[in-house]
Amino acid sequence: MATVQKAFGNRLREIRQEQCLTQEELSHRAGLNRTYIGDIERGEKNITLGSMNKLAKALGIKLRDFFDWEY
């Protein structure tokens, strides 16, 4: 069974790749470190709401769009 962090990371990667963005491009847009983006996508970091909001804005999506998965 996947952890919630892993499920969130998979969803972030899916959205990022749909927009043809690299982790580096996304990190610049969001003002976050590229290695932090990678850690989130692998489910290794427990992301804060503030960072989620930065990523949503950088991707041009609503925060709730990250949670379009079943845990």
C-alpha atoms as a PDB file:
ATOM      1  CA  MET A   1       0.000   0.000   0.000  1.00  0.00           C
ATOM      2  CA  ALA A   2       1.371   3.386  -0.994  1.00  0.00           C
ATOM      3  CA  THR A   3       1.888   6.110   1.543  1.00  0.00           C
ATOM      4  CA  VAL A   4       0.034   9.381   1.171  1.00  0.00           C
ATOM      5  CA  GLN A   5       3.379  11.103   0.487  1.00  0.00           C
ATOM      6  CA  LYS A   6       4.123   8.659  -2.341  1.00  0.00           C
ATOM      7  CA  ALA A   7       0.645   9.087  -3.826  1.00  0.00           C
ATOM      8  CA  PHE A   8       0.992  12.874  -3.708  1.00  0.00           C
ATOM      9  CA  GLY A   9       4.447  12.675  -5.276  1.00  0.00           C
ATOM     10  CA  ASN A  10       3.175  10.476  -8.089  1.00  0.00           C
ATOM     11  CA  ARG A  11       0.382  12.958  -8.773  1.00  0.00           C
ATOM     12  CA  LEU A  12       2.806  15.894  -8.788  1.00  0.00           C
ATOM     13  CA  ARG A  13       5.066  14.074 -11.270  1.00  0.00           C
ATOM     14  CA  GLU A  14       2.073  13.220 -13.461  1.00  0.00           C
ATOM     15  CA  ILE A  15       0.895  16.849 -13.626  1.00  0.00           C
ATOM     16  CA  ARG A  16       4.436  18.165 -14.179  1.00  0.00           C
ATOM     17  CA  GLN A  17       5.055  15.738 -17.035  1.00  0.00           C
ATOM     18  CA  GLU A  18       1.664  16.503 -18.620  1.00  0.00           C
ATOM     19  CA  GLN A  19       2.856  20.109 -18.837  1.00  0.00           C
ATOM     20  CA  CYS A  20       6.224  19.000 -20.290  1.00  0.00           C
ATOM     21  CA  LEU A  21       8.138  20.619 -17.437  1.00  0.00           C
ATOM     22  CA  THR A  22      11.395  19.412 -15.956  1.00  0.00           C
ATOM     23  CA  GLN A  23      11.882  19.373 -12.210  1.00  0.00           C
ATOM     24  CA  GLU A  24      14.274  22.287 -12.665  1.00  0.00           C
ATOM     25  CA  GLU A  25      11.722  24.366 -14.589  1.00  0.00           C
ATOM     26  CA  LEU A  26       9.078  23.679 -11.967  1.00  0.00           C
ATOM     27  CA  SER A  27      11.459  24.529  -9.145  1.00  0.00           C
ATOM     28  CA  HIS A  28      12.209  27.927 -10.713  1.00  0.00           C
ATOM     29  CA  ARG A  29       8.523  28.694 -11.197  1.00  0.00           C
ATOM     30  CA  ALA A  30       7.643  27.659  -7.643  1.00  0.00           C
ATOM     31  CA  GLY A  31      10.698  29.121  -5.922  1.00  0.00           C
ATOM     32  CA  LEU A  32      11.636  25.739  -4.469  1.00  0.00           C
ATOM     33  CA  ASN A  33      14.840  23.705  -4.671  1.00  0.00           C
ATOM     34  CA  ARG A  34      15.003  21.163  -7.509  1.00  0.00           C
ATOM     35  CA  THR A  35      16.190  18.398  -5.199  1.00  0.00           C
ATOM     36  CA  TYR A  36      13.197  19.125  -2.940  1.00  0.00           C
ATOM     37  CA  ILE A  37      10.871  18.597  -5.939  1.00  0.00           C
ATOM     38  CA  GLY A  38      12.551  15.230  -6.585  1.00  0.00           C
ATOM     39  CA  ASP A  39      12.237  14.252  -2.938  1.00  0.00           C
ATOM     40  CA  ILE A  40       8.529  15.099  -3.000  1.00  0.00           C
ATOM     41  CA  GLU A  41       7.947  13.129  -6.199  1.00  0.00           C
ATOM     42  CA  ARG A  42       9.625  10.062  -4.678  1.00  0.00           C
ATOM     43  CA  GLY A  43       7.531  10.377  -1.526  1.00  0.00           C
ATOM     44  CA  GLU A  44      10.585  11.068   0.614  1.00  0.00           C
ATOM     45  CA  LYS A  45       9.436  14.444   1.956  1.00  0.00           C
ATOM     46  CA  ASN A  46       6.312  15.370   3.857  1.00  0.00           C
ATOM     47  CA  ILE A  47       5.352  18.526   1.954  1.00  0.00           C
ATOM     48  CA  THR A  48       3.862  21.555   3.711  1.00  0.00           C
ATOM     49  CA  LEU A  49       0.668  23.293   2.647  1.00  0.00           C
ATOM     50  CA  GLY A  50       2.725  26.360   1.782  1.00  0.00           C
ATOM     51  CA  SER A  51       4.878  24.378  -0.634  1.00  0.00           C
ATOM     52  CA  MET A  52       1.800  22.685  -2.107  1.00  0.00           C
ATOM     53  CA  ASN A  53       0.321  26.107  -2.759  1.00  0.00           C
ATOM     54  CA  LYS A  54       3.526  27.314  -4.454  1.00  0.00           C
ATOM     55  CA  LEU A  55       3.543  24.237  -6.694  1.00  0.00           C
ATOM     56  CA  ALA A  56      -0.140  24.617  -7.576  1.00  0.00           C
ATOM     57  CA  LYS A  57       0.394  28.252  -8.569  1.00  0.00           C
ATOM     58  CA  ALA A  58       3.505  27.354 -10.578  1.00  0.00           C
ATOM     59  CA  LEU A  59       1.549  24.653 -12.418  1.00  0.00           C
ATOM     60  CA  GLY A  60      -1.530  26.857 -12.918  1.00  0.00           C
ATOM     61  CA  ILE A  61      -3.817  24.419 -11.130  1.00  0.00           C
ATOM     62  CA  LYS A  62      -6.030  24.449  -8.057  1.00  0.00           C
ATOM     63  CA  LEU A  63      -4.672  22.946  -4.878  1.00  0.00           C
ATOM     64  CA  ARG A  64      -7.419  20.326  -4.923  1.00  0.00           C
ATOM     65  CA  ASP A  65      -6.175  19.047  -8.307  1.00  0.00           C
ATOM     66  CA  PHE A  66      -3.269  17.392  -6.509  1.00  0.00           C
ATOM     67  CA  PHE A  67      -5.722  15.108  -4.719  1.00  0.00           C
ATOM     68  CA  ASP A  68      -7.302  13.493  -7.761  1.00  0.00           C
ATOM     69  CA  TRP A  69      -6.256  10.013  -6.610  1.00  0.00           C
ATOM     70  CA  GLU A  70      -7.466   7.363  -4.225  1.00  0.00           C
ATOM     71  CA  TYR A  71      -5.432   6.551  -1.153  1.00  0.00           C
END
